[in-house]
Amino acid sequence: MAFPNSTPVVFSLIVPVRNEGEGLESLHQELTDQARKLAESYEIIYVDDGSSDQTVSLLERLAGADEDVVVVELS
Protein backbone atom coordinates (compact mmCIF):
# COMPACT_ATOMS: atom_id res chain seq x y z
CA MET A 1 0.00 0.00 0.00
CA ALA A 2 1.28 3.48 -0.78
CA PHE A 3 -0.10 6.77 0.39
CA PRO A 4 0.04 9.99 -1.63
CA ASN A 5 3.41 11.75 -1.40
CA SER A 6 5.01 8.91 0.53
CA THR A 7 7.21 5.96 -0.20
CA PRO A 8 5.63 2.50 -0.56
CA VAL A 9 5.11 0.68 2.71
CA VAL A 10 7.51 -2.26 3.02
CA PHE A 11 5.95 -3.78 6.10
CA SER A 12 2.90 -3.34 8.32
CA LEU A 13 2.61 -4.07 12.01
CA ILE A 14 -0.96 -4.94 12.91
CA VAL A 15 -1.71 -4.47 16.59
CA PRO A 16 -5.08 -5.44 18.07
CA VAL A 17 -6.02 -3.31 21.09
CA ARG A 18 -8.89 -3.20 23.55
CA ASN A 19 -8.83 -1.07 26.69
CA GLU A 20 -5.08 -0.52 26.40
CA GLY A 21 -5.10 3.15 27.37
CA GLU A 22 -2.63 2.82 30.22
CA GLY A 23 0.16 1.21 28.22
CA LEU A 24 -0.59 2.41 24.70
CA GLU A 25 1.89 5.27 24.49
CA SER A 26 4.80 3.19 25.76
CA LEU A 27 3.83 0.34 23.41
CA HIS A 28 3.71 2.75 20.47
CA GLN A 29 7.09 4.22 21.36
CA GLU A 30 8.68 0.76 21.54
CA LEU A 31 7.13 -0.37 18.26
CA THR A 32 8.27 2.83 16.55
CA ASP A 33 11.80 2.53 17.93
CA GLN A 34 12.10 -1.06 16.71
CA ALA A 35 10.53 -0.37 13.32
CA ARG A 36 12.91 2.52 12.64
CA LYS A 37 15.89 0.26 13.30
CA LEU A 38 14.90 -1.80 10.25
CA ALA A 39 15.44 1.25 8.02
CA GLU A 40 12.45 0.39 5.84
CA SER A 41 9.15 2.15 5.22
CA TYR A 42 6.51 0.89 7.63
CA GLU A 43 3.06 1.49 9.03
CA ILE A 44 1.55 0.56 12.36
CA ILE A 45 -2.10 -0.40 12.11
CA TYR A 46 -3.92 -0.36 15.43
CA VAL A 47 -7.22 -2.24 15.39
CA ASP A 48 -9.47 -1.25 18.30
CA ASP A 49 -12.12 -3.79 19.21
CA GLY A 50 -14.61 -1.70 21.15
CA SER A 51 -12.51 -0.13 23.90
CA SER A 52 -14.43 1.56 26.70
CA ASP A 53 -11.47 3.52 28.09
CA GLN A 54 -9.36 6.29 26.54
CA THR A 55 -7.75 3.96 23.97
CA VAL A 56 -9.56 5.41 20.94
CA SER A 57 -8.76 9.04 21.80
CA LEU A 58 -5.11 8.12 22.36
CA LEU A 59 -5.00 6.28 19.03
CA GLU A 60 -6.49 9.29 17.25
CA ARG A 61 -3.86 11.52 18.83
CA LEU A 62 -1.06 9.15 17.80
CA ALA A 63 -2.41 9.01 14.24
CA GLY A 64 -2.57 12.79 14.10
CA ALA A 65 1.04 13.10 15.19
CA ASP A 66 2.52 10.19 13.22
CA GLU A 67 1.77 9.61 9.53
CA ASP A 68 2.87 5.98 9.91
CA VAL A 69 -0.09 5.20 12.18
CA VAL A 70 -3.41 3.89 10.89
CA VAL A 71 -6.38 3.37 13.20
CA VAL A 72 -9.22 0.94 12.51
CA GLU A 73 -12.16 0.98 14.88
CA LEU A 74 -14.40 -2.08 15.11
CA SER A 75 -17.67 -1.95 16.99
PDB file of N, CA and C in Angstrom:
ATOM      1  N   MET A   1       0.846  -1.160   0.000  1.00  0.00           N
ATOM      2  CA  MET A   1       0.000   0.000   0.000  1.00  0.00           C
ATOM      3  C   MET A   1       0.894   1.227   0.000  1.00  0.00           C
ATOM      4  N   ALA A   2       0.539   2.218  -0.757  1.00  0.00           N
ATOM      5  CA  ALA A   2       1.275   3.478  -0.777  1.00  0.00           C
ATOM      6  C   ALA A   2       0.290   4.616  -0.562  1.00  0.00           C
ATOM      7  N   PHE A   3       0.719   5.604   0.146  1.00  0.00           N
ATOM      8  CA  PHE A   3      -0.099   6.773   0.394  1.00  0.00           C
ATOM      9  C   PHE A   3       0.428   7.916  -0.459  1.00  0.00           C
ATOM     10  N   PRO A   4      -0.414   8.871  -0.814  1.00  0.00           N
ATOM     11  CA  PRO A   4       0.042   9.993  -1.631  1.00  0.00           C
ATOM     12  C   PRO A   4       1.244  10.689  -1.001  1.00  0.00           C
ATOM     13  N   ASN A   5       2.215  11.023  -1.834  1.00  0.00           N
ATOM     14  CA  ASN A   5       3.406  11.753  -1.397  1.00  0.00           C
ATOM     15  C   ASN A   5       4.227  10.993  -0.362  1.00  0.00           C
ATOM     16  N   SER A   6       4.189   9.696  -0.393  1.00  0.00           N
ATOM     17  CA  SER A   6       5.009   8.914   0.528  1.00  0.00           C
ATOM     18  C   SER A   6       5.606   7.729  -0.223  1.00  0.00           C
ATOM     19  N   THR A   7       6.587   7.130   0.402  1.00  0.00           N
ATOM     20  CA  THR A   7       7.206   5.956  -0.196  1.00  0.00           C
ATOM     21  C   THR A   7       6.321   4.740   0.049  1.00  0.00           C
ATOM     22  N   PRO A   8       6.429   3.717  -0.780  1.00  0.00           N
ATOM     23  CA  PRO A   8       5.627   2.504  -0.557  1.00  0.00           C
ATOM     24  C   PRO A   8       5.947   1.871   0.799  1.00  0.00           C
ATOM     25  N   VAL A   9       4.935   1.347   1.424  1.00  0.00           N
ATOM     26  CA  VAL A   9       5.109   0.679   2.715  1.00  0.00           C
ATOM     27  C   VAL A   9       5.724  -0.691   2.468  1.00  0.00           C
ATOM     28  N   VAL A  10       6.832  -0.975   3.159  1.00  0.00           N
ATOM     29  CA  VAL A  10       7.511  -2.258   3.015  1.00  0.00           C
ATOM     30  C   VAL A  10       6.920  -3.289   3.973  1.00  0.00           C
ATOM     31  N   PHE A  11       6.581  -2.846   5.176  1.00  0.00           N
ATOM     32  CA  PHE A  11       5.952  -3.778   6.102  1.00  0.00           C
ATOM     33  C   PHE A  11       4.937  -3.064   6.984  1.00  0.00           C
ATOM     34  N   SER A  12       3.964  -3.850   7.447  1.00  0.00           N
ATOM     35  CA  SER A  12       2.904  -3.344   8.316  1.00  0.00           C
ATOM     36  C   SER A  12       2.910  -4.146   9.611  1.00  0.00           C
ATOM     37  N   LEU A  13       2.801  -3.437  10.702  1.00  0.00           N
ATOM     38  CA  LEU A  13       2.613  -4.067  12.006  1.00  0.00           C
ATOM     39  C   LEU A  13       1.132  -3.902  12.341  1.00  0.00           C
ATOM     40  N   ILE A  14       0.455  -4.995  12.578  1.00  0.00           N
ATOM     41  CA  ILE A  14      -0.964  -4.939  12.909  1.00  0.00           C
ATOM     42  C   ILE A  14      -1.110  -5.289  14.379  1.00  0.00           C
ATOM     43  N   VAL A  15      -1.665  -4.338  15.135  1.00  0.00           N
ATOM     44  CA  VAL A  15      -1.713  -4.469  16.588  1.00  0.00           C
ATOM     45  C   VAL A  15      -3.157  -4.387  17.061  1.00  0.00           C
ATOM     46  N   PRO A  16      -3.727  -5.500  17.508  1.00  0.00           N
ATOM     47  CA  PRO A  16      -5.076  -5.440  18.066  1.00  0.00           C
ATOM     48  C   PRO A  16      -5.023  -4.832  19.472  1.00  0.00           C
ATOM     49  N   VAL A  17      -5.971  -3.946  19.766  1.00  0.00           N
ATOM     50  CA  VAL A  17      -6.020  -3.312  21.085  1.00  0.00           C
ATOM     51  C   VAL A  17      -7.452  -3.269  21.585  1.00  0.00           C
ATOM     52  N   ARG A  18      -7.586  -3.372  22.884  1.00  0.00           N
ATOM     53  CA  ARG A  18      -8.887  -3.200  23.553  1.00  0.00           C
ATOM     54  C   ARG A  18      -8.608  -2.795  24.991  1.00  0.00           C
ATOM     55  N   ASN A  19      -9.037  -1.614  25.342  1.00  0.00           N
ATOM     56  CA  ASN A  19      -8.833  -1.067  26.689  1.00  0.00           C
ATOM     57  C   ASN A  19      -7.355  -1.081  27.073  1.00  0.00           C
ATOM     58  N   GLU A  20      -6.529  -0.553  26.195  1.00  0.00           N
ATOM     59  CA  GLU A  20      -5.082  -0.521  26.404  1.00  0.00           C
ATOM     60  C   GLU A  20      -4.573   0.883  26.713  1.00  0.00           C
ATOM     61  N   GLY A  21      -5.453   1.761  27.155  1.00  0.00           N
ATOM     62  CA  GLY A  21      -5.098   3.155  27.370  1.00  0.00           C
ATOM     63  C   GLY A  21      -3.879   3.381  28.241  1.00  0.00           C
ATOM     64  N   GLU A  22      -3.735   2.607  29.286  1.00  0.00           N
ATOM     65  CA  GLU A  22      -2.627   2.822  30.223  1.00  0.00           C
ATOM     66  C   GLU A  22      -1.266   2.565  29.600  1.00  0.00           C
ATOM     67  N   GLY A  23      -1.146   1.565  28.752  1.00  0.00           N
ATOM     68  CA  GLY A  23       0.161   1.210  28.216  1.00  0.00           C
ATOM     69  C   GLY A  23       0.359   1.545  26.745  1.00  0.00           C
ATOM     70  N   LEU A  24      -0.625   2.194  26.142  1.00  0.00           N
ATOM     71  CA  LEU A  24      -0.594   2.407  24.696  1.00  0.00           C
ATOM     72  C   LEU A  24       0.567   3.288  24.234  1.00  0.00           C
ATOM     73  N   GLU A  25       0.813   4.373  24.928  1.00  0.00           N
ATOM     74  CA  GLU A  25       1.886   5.271  24.492  1.00  0.00           C
ATOM     75  C   GLU A  25       3.258   4.615  24.586  1.00  0.00           C
ATOM     76  N   SER A  26       3.507   3.870  25.641  1.00  0.00           N
ATOM     77  CA  SER A  26       4.803   3.190  25.756  1.00  0.00           C
ATOM     78  C   SER A  26       4.920   2.066  24.722  1.00  0.00           C
ATOM     79  N   LEU A  27       3.826   1.362  24.452  1.00  0.00           N
ATOM     80  CA  LEU A  27       3.831   0.336  23.407  1.00  0.00           C
ATOM     81  C   LEU A  27       4.146   0.971  22.056  1.00  0.00           C
ATOM     82  N   HIS A  28       3.479   2.079  21.749  1.00  0.00           N
ATOM     83  CA  HIS A  28       3.711   2.747  20.472  1.00  0.00           C
ATOM     84  C   HIS A  28       5.163   3.210  20.349  1.00  0.00           C
ATOM     85  N   GLN A  29       5.700   3.757  21.401  1.00  0.00           N
ATOM     86  CA  GLN A  29       7.094   4.219  21.361  1.00  0.00           C
ATOM     87  C   GLN A  29       8.052   3.053  21.104  1.00  0.00           C
ATOM     88  N   GLU A  30       7.823   1.935  21.747  1.00  0.00           N
ATOM     89  CA  GLU A  30       8.680   0.762  21.544  1.00  0.00           C
ATOM     90  C   GLU A  30       8.556   0.216  20.126  1.00  0.00           C
ATOM     91  N   LEU A  31       7.340   0.110  19.633  1.00  0.00           N
ATOM     92  CA  LEU A  31       7.133  -0.374  18.261  1.00  0.00           C
ATOM     93  C   LEU A  31       7.806   0.561  17.254  1.00  0.00           C
ATOM     94  N   THR A  32       7.660   1.853  17.443  1.00  0.00           N
ATOM     95  CA  THR A  32       8.269   2.834  16.548  1.00  0.00           C
ATOM     96  C   THR A  32       9.790   2.743  16.599  1.00  0.00           C
ATOM     97  N   ASP A  33      10.341   2.643  17.784  1.00  0.00           N
ATOM     98  CA  ASP A  33      11.802   2.528  17.926  1.00  0.00           C
ATOM     99  C   ASP A  33      12.328   1.300  17.190  1.00  0.00           C
ATOM    100  N   GLN A  34      11.653   0.182  17.353  1.00  0.00           N
ATOM    101  CA  GLN A  34      12.105  -1.056  16.706  1.00  0.00           C
ATOM    102  C   GLN A  34      11.913  -1.001  15.194  1.00  0.00           C
ATOM    103  N   ALA A  35      10.792  -0.457  14.750  1.00  0.00           N
ATOM    104  CA  ALA A  35      10.530  -0.372  13.316  1.00  0.00           C
ATOM    105  C   ALA A  35      11.554   0.520  12.620  1.00  0.00           C
ATOM    106  N   ARG A  36      11.926   1.606  13.243  1.00  0.00           N
ATOM    107  CA  ARG A  36      12.907   2.516  12.643  1.00  0.00           C
ATOM    108  C   ARG A  36      14.282   1.869  12.508  1.00  0.00           C
ATOM    109  N   LYS A  37      14.602   0.955  13.380  1.00  0.00           N
ATOM    110  CA  LYS A  37      15.891   0.259  13.298  1.00  0.00           C
ATOM    111  C   LYS A  37      16.009  -0.573  12.023  1.00  0.00           C
ATOM    112  N   LEU A  38      14.878  -0.981  11.461  1.00  0.00           N
ATOM    113  CA  LEU A  38      14.895  -1.797  10.252  1.00  0.00           C
ATOM    114  C   LEU A  38      15.185  -0.974   9.005  1.00  0.00           C
ATOM    115  N   ALA A  39      15.116   0.331   9.115  1.00  0.00           N
ATOM    116  CA  ALA A  39      15.435   1.255   8.016  1.00  0.00           C
ATOM    117  C   ALA A  39      14.625   0.965   6.758  1.00  0.00           C
ATOM    118  N   GLU A  40      13.375   0.626   6.939  1.00  0.00           N
ATOM    119  CA  GLU A  40      12.446   0.391   5.837  1.00  0.00           C
ATOM    120  C   GLU A  40      11.171   1.189   6.115  1.00  0.00           C
ATOM    121  N   SER A  41      10.425   1.458   5.066  1.00  0.00           N
ATOM    122  CA  SER A  41       9.154   2.150   5.216  1.00  0.00           C
ATOM    123  C   SER A  41       8.149   1.211   5.888  1.00  0.00           C
ATOM    124  N   TYR A  42       7.429   1.739   6.860  1.00  0.00           N
ATOM    125  CA  TYR A  42       6.512   0.892   7.626  1.00  0.00           C
ATOM    126  C   TYR A  42       5.244   1.657   7.973  1.00  0.00           C
ATOM    127  N   GLU A  43       4.257   0.919   8.431  1.00  0.00           N
ATOM    128  CA  GLU A  43       3.057   1.493   9.028  1.00  0.00           C
ATOM    129  C   GLU A  43       2.685   0.635  10.229  1.00  0.00           C
ATOM    130  N   ILE A  44       2.065   1.276  11.201  1.00  0.00           N
ATOM    131  CA  ILE A  44       1.550   0.558  12.362  1.00  0.00           C
ATOM    132  C   ILE A  44       0.032   0.712  12.311  1.00  0.00           C
ATOM    133  N   ILE A  45      -0.643  -0.404  12.188  1.00  0.00           N
ATOM    134  CA  ILE A  45      -2.100  -0.401  12.114  1.00  0.00           C
ATOM    135  C   ILE A  45      -2.640  -0.899  13.456  1.00  0.00           C
ATOM    136  N   TYR A  46      -3.283   0.005  14.170  1.00  0.00           N
ATOM    137  CA  TYR A  46      -3.920  -0.363  15.430  1.00  0.00           C
ATOM    138  C   TYR A  46      -5.383  -0.669  15.141  1.00  0.00           C
ATOM    139  N   VAL A  47      -5.836  -1.838  15.586  1.00  0.00           N
ATOM    140  CA  VAL A  47      -7.222  -2.242  15.395  1.00  0.00           C
ATOM    141  C   VAL A  47      -7.879  -2.288  16.766  1.00  0.00           C
ATOM    142  N   ASP A  48      -8.769  -1.317  17.019  1.00  0.00           N
ATOM    143  CA  ASP A  48      -9.465  -1.251  18.301  1.00  0.00           C
ATOM    144  C   ASP A  48     -10.758  -2.055  18.221  1.00  0.00           C
ATOM    145  N   ASP A  49     -10.941  -2.917  19.190  1.00  0.00           N
ATOM    146  CA  ASP A  49     -12.116  -3.788  19.207  1.00  0.00           C
ATOM    147  C   ASP A  49     -13.078  -3.382  20.319  1.00  0.00           C
ATOM    148  N   GLY A  50     -13.571  -2.143  20.229  1.00  0.00           N
ATOM    149  CA  GLY A  50     -14.607  -1.703  21.153  1.00  0.00           C
ATOM    150  C   GLY A  50     -14.123  -1.282  22.527  1.00  0.00           C
ATOM    151  N   SER A  51     -13.018  -0.586  22.598  1.00  0.00           N
ATOM    152  CA  SER A  51     -12.508  -0.130  23.897  1.00  0.00           C
ATOM    153  C   SER A  51     -13.507   0.793  24.587  1.00  0.00           C
ATOM    154  N   SER A  52     -13.558   0.692  25.912  1.00  0.00           N
ATOM    155  CA  SER A  52     -14.428   1.563  26.700  1.00  0.00           C
ATOM    156  C   SER A  52     -13.626   2.543  27.544  1.00  0.00           C
ATOM    157  N   ASP A  53     -12.316   2.558  27.384  1.00  0.00           N
ATOM    158  CA  ASP A  53     -11.471   3.516  28.093  1.00  0.00           C
ATOM    159  C   ASP A  53     -10.990   4.579  27.106  1.00  0.00           C
ATOM    160  N   GLN A  54      -9.880   5.209  27.371  1.00  0.00           N
ATOM    161  CA  GLN A  54      -9.358   6.292  26.542  1.00  0.00           C
ATOM    162  C   GLN A  54      -8.547   5.801  25.344  1.00  0.00           C
ATOM    163  N   THR A  55      -8.559   4.520  25.056  1.00  0.00           N
ATOM    164  CA  THR A  55      -7.746   3.963  23.972  1.00  0.00           C
ATOM    165  C   THR A  55      -7.997   4.664  22.636  1.00  0.00           C
ATOM    166  N   VAL A  56      -9.246   4.833  22.248  1.00  0.00           N
ATOM    167  CA  VAL A  56      -9.559   5.414  20.942  1.00  0.00           C
ATOM    168  C   VAL A  56      -9.051   6.848  20.837  1.00  0.00           C
ATOM    169  N   SER A  57      -9.245   7.643  21.858  1.00  0.00           N
ATOM    170  CA  SER A  57      -8.760   9.035  21.796  1.00  0.00           C
ATOM    171  C   SER A  57      -7.236   9.081  21.737  1.00  0.00           C
ATOM    172  N   LEU A  58      -6.568   8.183  22.433  1.00  0.00           N
ATOM    173  CA  LEU A  58      -5.106   8.122  22.359  1.00  0.00           C
ATOM    174  C   LEU A  58      -4.657   7.687  20.964  1.00  0.00           C
ATOM    175  N   LEU A  59      -5.341   6.716  20.379  1.00  0.00           N
ATOM    176  CA  LEU A  59      -5.005   6.276  19.029  1.00  0.00           C
ATOM    177  C   LEU A  59      -5.178   7.412  18.026  1.00  0.00           C
ATOM    178  N   GLU A  60      -6.256   8.162  18.152  1.00  0.00           N
ATOM    179  CA  GLU A  60      -6.488   9.285  17.246  1.00  0.00           C
ATOM    180  C   GLU A  60      -5.384  10.333  17.385  1.00  0.00           C
ATOM    181  N   ARG A  61      -4.950  10.567  18.603  1.00  0.00           N
ATOM    182  CA  ARG A  61      -3.856  11.523  18.833  1.00  0.00           C
ATOM    183  C   ARG A  61      -2.562  11.015  18.218  1.00  0.00           C
ATOM    184  N   LEU A  62      -2.268   9.739  18.399  1.00  0.00           N
ATOM    185  CA  LEU A  62      -1.063   9.151  17.803  1.00  0.00           C
ATOM    186  C   LEU A  62      -1.108   9.247  16.280  1.00  0.00           C
ATOM    187  N   ALA A  63      -2.268   8.951  15.697  1.00  0.00           N
ATOM    188  CA  ALA A  63      -2.412   9.010  14.241  1.00  0.00           C
ATOM    189  C   ALA A  63      -2.253  10.433  13.727  1.00  0.00           C
ATOM    190  N   GLY A  64      -2.715  11.402  14.494  1.00  0.00           N
ATOM    191  CA  GLY A  64      -2.571  12.794  14.096  1.00  0.00           C
ATOM    192  C   GLY A  64      -1.144  13.276  14.136  1.00  0.00           C
ATOM    193  N   ALA A  65      -0.349  12.678  15.014  1.00  0.00           N
ATOM    194  CA  ALA A  65       1.043  13.097  15.187  1.00  0.00           C
ATOM    195  C   ALA A  65       2.025  12.262  14.378  1.00  0.00           C
ATOM    196  N   ASP A  66       1.599  11.112  13.892  1.00  0.00           N
ATOM    197  CA  ASP A  66       2.516  10.185  13.218  1.00  0.00           C
ATOM    198  C   ASP A  66       1.857   9.649  11.956  1.00  0.00           C
ATOM    199  N   GLU A  67       2.374  10.031  10.801  1.00  0.00           N
ATOM    200  CA  GLU A  67       1.768   9.606   9.534  1.00  0.00           C
ATOM    201  C   GLU A  67       1.903   8.110   9.271  1.00  0.00           C
ATOM    202  N   ASP A  68       2.702   7.423  10.066  1.00  0.00           N
ATOM    203  CA  ASP A  68       2.872   5.980   9.907  1.00  0.00           C
ATOM    204  C   ASP A  68       1.849   5.177  10.691  1.00  0.00           C
ATOM    205  N   VAL A  69       0.925   5.866  11.367  1.00  0.00           N
ATOM    206  CA  VAL A  69      -0.092   5.204  12.181  1.00  0.00           C
ATOM    207  C   VAL A  69      -1.432   5.214  11.466  1.00  0.00           C
ATOM    208  N   VAL A  70      -2.063   4.039  11.433  1.00  0.00           N
ATOM    209  CA  VAL A  70      -3.410   3.891  10.891  1.00  0.00           C
ATOM    210  C   VAL A  70      -4.267   3.311  12.007  1.00  0.00           C
ATOM    211  N   VAL A  71      -5.470   3.850  12.163  1.00  0.00           N
ATOM    212  CA  VAL A  71      -6.382   3.370  13.199  1.00  0.00           C
ATOM    213  C   VAL A  71      -7.619   2.790  12.538  1.00  0.00           C
ATOM    214  N   VAL A  72      -7.984   1.584  12.959  1.00  0.00           N
ATOM    215  CA  VAL A  72      -9.224   0.940  12.507  1.00  0.00           C
ATOM    216  C   VAL A  72     -10.040   0.681  13.749  1.00  0.00           C
ATOM    217  N   GLU A  73     -11.275   1.186  13.743  1.00  0.00           N
ATOM    218  CA  GLU A  73     -12.157   0.977  14.880  1.00  0.00           C
ATOM    219  C   GLU A  73     -13.235  -0.027  14.512  1.00  0.00           C
ATOM    220  N   LEU A  74     -13.320  -1.107  15.264  1.00  0.00           N
ATOM    221  CA  LEU A  74     -14.397  -2.081  15.108  1.00  0.00           C
ATOM    222  C   LEU A  74     -15.418  -1.824  16.199  1.00  0.00           C
ATOM    223  N   SER A  75     -16.652  -2.183  15.969  1.00  0.00           N
ATOM    224  CA  SER A  75     -17.672  -1.948  16.990  1.00  0.00           C
ATOM    225  C   SER A  75     -17.722  -3.090  17.974  1.00  0.00           C
TER     226      SER A  75
END
